[in-house]
Protein backbone atom coordinates (compact mmCIF):
# COMPACT_ATOMS: atom_id res chain seq x y z
CA MET A 1 -0.01 0.25 -0.19
CA PRO A 2 1.51 3.40 -0.85
CA ALA A 3 2.56 5.68 2.40
CA LYS A 4 0.13 7.77 0.99
CA THR A 5 -2.80 6.09 2.04
CA LYS A 6 -1.36 4.59 4.93
CA ASP A 7 -1.18 7.48 6.35
CA MET A 8 -4.82 9.04 5.94
CA GLY A 9 -6.00 5.72 7.85
CA ILE A 10 -7.92 4.09 4.70
CA PRO A 11 -8.84 0.73 5.48
CA PRO A 12 -7.03 -2.21 3.30
CA GLU A 13 -10.51 -3.38 2.51
CA LEU A 14 -11.57 -0.02 0.98
CA GLU A 15 -8.13 0.50 -0.62
CA ALA A 16 -8.25 -2.82 -2.53
CA ASP A 17 -12.06 -1.87 -3.42
CA THR A 18 -11.17 1.25 -4.62
CA GLN A 19 -7.86 -0.12 -6.45
CA ALA A 20 -9.98 -2.49 -7.93
CA VAL A 21 -12.52 -0.22 -9.47
CA LEU A 22 -9.73 2.06 -11.03
CA GLU A 23 -8.33 -1.27 -12.07
CA ARG A 24 -11.66 -2.02 -14.07
CA LEU A 25 -12.02 1.47 -15.91
CA MET A 26 -8.85 1.45 -17.21
CA THR A 27 -9.72 -1.84 -19.03
CA GLY A 28 -13.42 -1.63 -19.19
CA GLN A 29 -14.12 -4.77 -17.48
CA SER A 30 -17.14 -4.98 -15.28
CA LEU A 31 -16.50 -5.59 -11.46
CA PRO A 32 -16.49 -8.66 -9.57
CA PRO A 33 -20.09 -9.14 -8.19
CA GLN A 34 -18.63 -9.17 -4.17
CA THR A 35 -16.71 -5.94 -4.90
CA ALA A 36 -19.74 -3.91 -6.15
CA ARG A 37 -21.81 -5.63 -3.26
CA ARG A 38 -19.44 -4.10 -0.79
CA ILE A 39 -19.11 -0.98 -2.44
CA HIS A 40 -23.24 -0.81 -2.60
CA GLU A 41 -23.13 -1.85 1.30
CA ARG A 42 -20.99 1.36 2.12
CA ALA A 43 -22.21 3.67 -0.15
CA GLU A 44 -25.99 2.74 1.37
CA LYS A 45 -24.51 3.10 5.37
CA ILE A 46 -23.07 6.42 4.48
CA ARG A 47 -26.41 7.24 2.89
CA GLN A 48 -28.11 6.44 6.12
CA ASP A 49 -25.84 8.18 8.59
CA VAL A 50 -26.14 11.08 6.48
CA LEU A 51 -29.89 10.34 6.61
CA GLN A 52 -29.89 10.20 10.09
CA LYS A 53 -28.02 13.16 11.02
CA HIS A 54 -29.22 15.71 8.95
CA GLY A 55 -32.42 14.24 7.54
CA VAL A 56 -33.78 14.63 3.95
CA LEU A 57 -31.20 17.22 2.28
CA ASP A 58 -33.51 19.35 -0.57
CA ILE A 59 -30.81 21.63 -1.80
CA GLY A 60 -30.41 20.66 -5.41
CA VAL A 61 -33.36 22.17 -6.78
CA PRO A 62 -33.62 25.53 -4.99
CA ALA A 63 -29.96 26.02 -5.70
CA ILE A 64 -30.61 25.52 -9.46
CA ARG A 65 -34.00 27.33 -9.34
CA GLU A 66 -31.71 30.38 -7.60
CA LEU A 67 -28.91 30.36 -9.88
CA ARG A 68 -31.04 30.43 -12.70
CA GLY A 69 -33.23 33.36 -12.06
CA GLU A 70 -37.30 33.41 -13.06
CA LEU A 71 -37.58 31.85 -16.39
CA PRO A 72 -39.35 34.49 -19.41
CA ASN A 73 -43.07 33.43 -19.93
CA PRO A 74 -43.79 31.77 -23.28
């Protein structure tokens, strides 16, 4: 494992899955099902943690509407 990731405290299983994703992106191959499952499970856990901590975050649509301004009347 590179020193940079070791210094950052990245768990070995996360490092391995990240490396697998990068290799598959470069070669165009699909991920092994067990790797994809682990990634999806971690993502779902993160999503649930954010949802529990902050509730539903509805910031995208209001931010886009604010940035684009009023739409012209047809």
